[in-house]
Amino acid sequence: MTNEKVKGPAAYFPSIEKKYGQPIQHWLDLVSARLPAKHMELVGMLKAEHGFGHGHANAVVGHVLRGKAASPAP
């Protein structure tokens, strides 16, 4: 069994949950509910409305947008 280190935006998720007091799914859903929107608009919303730092906001938004891009259209 290997102990692989989490990479990419998900590496920030534990610290985001700890710092902002909500499970990561809360933040992912919040960002998803604002779509369609531009990446930096979503980052700005998390920073202005929820006190996120830039790196944490960027990680959440990047994760959501990558997931949406990978999802097939309905």
N, C-alpha and C. Protein backbone atom coordinates (compact mmCIF):
# COMPACT_ATOMS: atom_id res chain seq x y z
N MET A 1 0.85 -1.17 0.00
CA MET A 1 0.00 0.00 0.00
C MET A 1 0.89 1.23 0.00
N THR A 2 0.62 2.14 -0.92
CA THR A 2 1.42 3.35 -1.01
C THR A 2 0.72 4.50 -0.32
N ASN A 3 1.53 5.41 0.17
CA ASN A 3 0.99 6.59 0.83
C ASN A 3 1.24 7.78 -0.10
N GLU A 4 0.36 7.92 -1.12
CA GLU A 4 0.54 8.97 -2.10
C GLU A 4 0.10 10.31 -1.54
N LYS A 5 0.89 11.32 -1.81
CA LYS A 5 0.57 12.66 -1.37
C LYS A 5 -0.44 13.27 -2.33
N VAL A 6 -1.46 13.93 -1.77
CA VAL A 6 -2.47 14.60 -2.58
C VAL A 6 -1.81 15.79 -3.26
N LYS A 7 -2.08 15.95 -4.55
CA LYS A 7 -1.50 17.04 -5.32
C LYS A 7 -2.59 17.93 -5.88
N GLY A 8 -2.20 19.08 -6.36
CA GLY A 8 -3.13 20.00 -6.99
C GLY A 8 -4.01 20.70 -5.96
N PRO A 9 -5.14 21.25 -6.43
CA PRO A 9 -6.02 22.01 -5.54
C PRO A 9 -6.49 21.22 -4.32
N ALA A 10 -6.69 19.93 -4.47
CA ALA A 10 -7.19 19.12 -3.36
C ALA A 10 -6.22 19.11 -2.18
N ALA A 11 -4.97 19.41 -2.41
CA ALA A 11 -4.00 19.47 -1.32
C ALA A 11 -4.35 20.56 -0.32
N TYR A 12 -5.08 21.56 -0.76
CA TYR A 12 -5.48 22.67 0.11
C TYR A 12 -6.75 22.37 0.92
N PHE A 13 -7.50 21.34 0.53
CA PHE A 13 -8.82 21.13 1.11
C PHE A 13 -8.83 20.97 2.63
N PRO A 14 -7.93 20.19 3.23
CA PRO A 14 -7.96 20.08 4.70
C PRO A 14 -7.76 21.42 5.41
N SER A 15 -6.84 22.23 4.90
CA SER A 15 -6.61 23.52 5.55
C SER A 15 -7.76 24.49 5.30
N ILE A 16 -8.43 24.38 4.15
CA ILE A 16 -9.60 25.21 3.86
C ILE A 16 -10.72 24.87 4.83
N GLU A 17 -10.96 23.58 5.04
CA GLU A 17 -12.01 23.16 5.98
C GLU A 17 -11.71 23.67 7.38
N LYS A 18 -10.47 23.55 7.79
CA LYS A 18 -10.09 23.97 9.14
C LYS A 18 -10.21 25.49 9.30
N LYS A 19 -9.71 26.23 8.34
CA LYS A 19 -9.66 27.69 8.45
C LYS A 19 -11.03 28.35 8.32
N TYR A 20 -11.88 27.83 7.42
CA TYR A 20 -13.15 28.51 7.13
C TYR A 20 -14.37 27.80 7.73
N GLY A 21 -14.15 26.69 8.45
CA GLY A 21 -15.18 26.09 9.27
C GLY A 21 -16.32 25.38 8.56
N GLN A 22 -16.13 25.04 7.31
CA GLN A 22 -17.17 24.31 6.58
C GLN A 22 -16.50 23.16 5.83
N PRO A 23 -17.25 22.08 5.59
CA PRO A 23 -16.68 21.00 4.77
C PRO A 23 -16.41 21.50 3.36
N ILE A 24 -15.45 20.92 2.70
CA ILE A 24 -15.06 21.39 1.36
C ILE A 24 -16.23 21.34 0.40
N GLN A 25 -17.13 20.38 0.57
CA GLN A 25 -18.28 20.29 -0.34
C GLN A 25 -19.13 21.55 -0.27
N HIS A 26 -19.22 22.18 0.88
CA HIS A 26 -19.95 23.45 1.02
C HIS A 26 -19.38 24.49 0.06
N TRP A 27 -18.07 24.62 0.05
CA TRP A 27 -17.43 25.63 -0.80
C TRP A 27 -17.52 25.26 -2.27
N LEU A 28 -17.39 23.98 -2.58
CA LEU A 28 -17.52 23.55 -3.98
C LEU A 28 -18.93 23.82 -4.49
N ASP A 29 -19.93 23.54 -3.67
CA ASP A 29 -21.32 23.79 -4.06
C ASP A 29 -21.59 25.28 -4.21
N LEU A 30 -21.02 26.09 -3.31
CA LEU A 30 -21.21 27.53 -3.37
C LEU A 30 -20.66 28.09 -4.68
N VAL A 31 -19.48 27.66 -5.06
CA VAL A 31 -18.89 28.11 -6.31
C VAL A 31 -19.69 27.58 -7.50
N SER A 32 -20.07 26.32 -7.46
CA SER A 32 -20.83 25.73 -8.57
C SER A 32 -22.16 26.46 -8.79
N ALA A 33 -22.78 26.92 -7.72
CA ALA A 33 -24.05 27.63 -7.82
C ALA A 33 -23.91 28.97 -8.53
N ARG A 34 -22.70 29.51 -8.59
CA ARG A 34 -22.46 30.81 -9.24
C ARG A 34 -22.10 30.68 -10.72
N LEU A 35 -22.02 29.46 -11.21
CA LEU A 35 -21.68 29.25 -12.62
C LEU A 35 -22.87 29.57 -13.50
N PRO A 36 -22.66 30.04 -14.71
CA PRO A 36 -21.37 30.31 -15.31
C PRO A 36 -20.81 31.65 -14.84
N ALA A 37 -19.55 31.66 -14.60
CA ALA A 37 -18.82 32.88 -14.21
C ALA A 37 -17.35 32.66 -14.54
N LYS A 38 -16.62 33.74 -14.62
CA LYS A 38 -15.20 33.65 -14.90
C LYS A 38 -14.44 33.26 -13.64
N HIS A 39 -13.31 32.61 -13.85
CA HIS A 39 -12.47 32.14 -12.75
C HIS A 39 -12.21 33.24 -11.72
N MET A 40 -11.71 34.38 -12.17
CA MET A 40 -11.34 35.44 -11.22
C MET A 40 -12.55 36.09 -10.56
N GLU A 41 -13.71 36.06 -11.20
CA GLU A 41 -14.93 36.55 -10.55
C GLU A 41 -15.27 35.66 -9.36
N LEU A 42 -15.13 34.36 -9.55
CA LEU A 42 -15.42 33.41 -8.47
C LEU A 42 -14.39 33.52 -7.35
N VAL A 43 -13.12 33.68 -7.70
CA VAL A 43 -12.08 33.88 -6.69
C VAL A 43 -12.40 35.14 -5.89
N GLY A 44 -12.74 36.22 -6.58
CA GLY A 44 -13.07 37.48 -5.92
C GLY A 44 -14.25 37.35 -4.98
N MET A 45 -15.26 36.57 -5.37
CA MET A 45 -16.43 36.35 -4.51
C MET A 45 -16.03 35.65 -3.22
N LEU A 46 -15.23 34.60 -3.31
CA LEU A 46 -14.80 33.89 -2.11
C LEU A 46 -13.97 34.80 -1.20
N LYS A 47 -13.13 35.63 -1.80
CA LYS A 47 -12.29 36.54 -1.01
C LYS A 47 -13.14 37.63 -0.35
N ALA A 48 -14.02 38.26 -1.12
CA ALA A 48 -14.80 39.39 -0.61
C ALA A 48 -15.91 38.97 0.34
N GLU A 49 -16.61 37.89 0.01
CA GLU A 49 -17.79 37.50 0.78
C GLU A 49 -17.50 36.50 1.90
N HIS A 50 -16.37 35.80 1.81
CA HIS A 50 -16.12 34.73 2.78
C HIS A 50 -14.74 34.79 3.42
N GLY A 51 -13.97 35.83 3.09
CA GLY A 51 -12.68 36.03 3.73
C GLY A 51 -11.58 35.07 3.32
N PHE A 52 -11.74 34.43 2.17
CA PHE A 52 -10.72 33.49 1.70
C PHE A 52 -9.44 34.24 1.31
N GLY A 53 -8.32 33.58 1.51
CA GLY A 53 -7.08 34.06 0.93
C GLY A 53 -7.06 33.68 -0.54
N HIS A 54 -6.20 34.33 -1.30
CA HIS A 54 -6.18 34.10 -2.75
C HIS A 54 -5.88 32.65 -3.11
N GLY A 55 -4.90 32.04 -2.47
CA GLY A 55 -4.54 30.66 -2.80
C GLY A 55 -5.65 29.68 -2.53
N HIS A 56 -6.32 29.83 -1.39
CA HIS A 56 -7.43 28.93 -1.06
C HIS A 56 -8.59 29.13 -2.03
N ALA A 57 -8.92 30.37 -2.33
CA ALA A 57 -10.02 30.65 -3.27
C ALA A 57 -9.68 30.08 -4.65
N ASN A 58 -8.47 30.27 -5.09
CA ASN A 58 -8.04 29.78 -6.39
C ASN A 58 -8.12 28.25 -6.45
N ALA A 59 -7.77 27.59 -5.38
CA ALA A 59 -7.81 26.12 -5.34
C ALA A 59 -9.25 25.61 -5.47
N VAL A 60 -10.18 26.22 -4.74
CA VAL A 60 -11.58 25.79 -4.80
C VAL A 60 -12.15 26.04 -6.19
N VAL A 61 -11.95 27.24 -6.70
CA VAL A 61 -12.48 27.59 -8.02
C VAL A 61 -11.86 26.71 -9.10
N GLY A 62 -10.56 26.53 -9.06
CA GLY A 62 -9.89 25.69 -10.05
C GLY A 62 -10.42 24.27 -10.05
N HIS A 63 -10.66 23.73 -8.87
CA HIS A 63 -11.18 22.37 -8.76
C HIS A 63 -12.57 22.28 -9.38
N VAL A 64 -13.42 23.24 -9.08
CA VAL A 64 -14.79 23.23 -9.63
C VAL A 64 -14.75 23.37 -11.15
N LEU A 65 -13.98 24.32 -11.64
CA LEU A 65 -13.96 24.56 -13.08
C LEU A 65 -13.35 23.38 -13.85
N ARG A 66 -12.34 22.74 -13.30
CA ARG A 66 -11.77 21.56 -13.94
C ARG A 66 -12.79 20.43 -13.97
N GLY A 67 -13.53 20.29 -12.90
CA GLY A 67 -14.57 19.24 -12.85
C GLY A 67 -15.67 19.49 -13.86
N LYS A 68 -16.05 20.74 -14.02
CA LYS A 68 -17.10 21.07 -14.99
C LYS A 68 -16.63 20.86 -16.41
N ALA A 69 -15.38 21.17 -16.67
CA ALA A 69 -14.82 20.99 -18.01
C ALA A 69 -14.73 19.51 -18.36
N ALA A 70 -14.52 18.66 -17.35
CA ALA A 70 -14.36 17.23 -17.58
C ALA A 70 -15.70 16.51 -17.68
N SER A 71 -16.78 17.18 -17.21
CA SER A 71 -18.10 16.56 -17.24
C SER A 71 -18.71 16.63 -18.63
N PRO A 72 -19.32 15.56 -19.08
CA PRO A 72 -19.98 15.62 -20.39
C PRO A 72 -21.21 16.51 -20.32
N ALA A 73 -21.53 17.15 -21.40
CA ALA A 73 -22.72 18.01 -21.45
C ALA A 73 -23.96 17.16 -21.33
N PRO A 74 -25.00 17.65 -20.64
CA PRO A 74 -26.23 16.85 -20.48
C PRO A 74 -26.97 16.66 -21.79
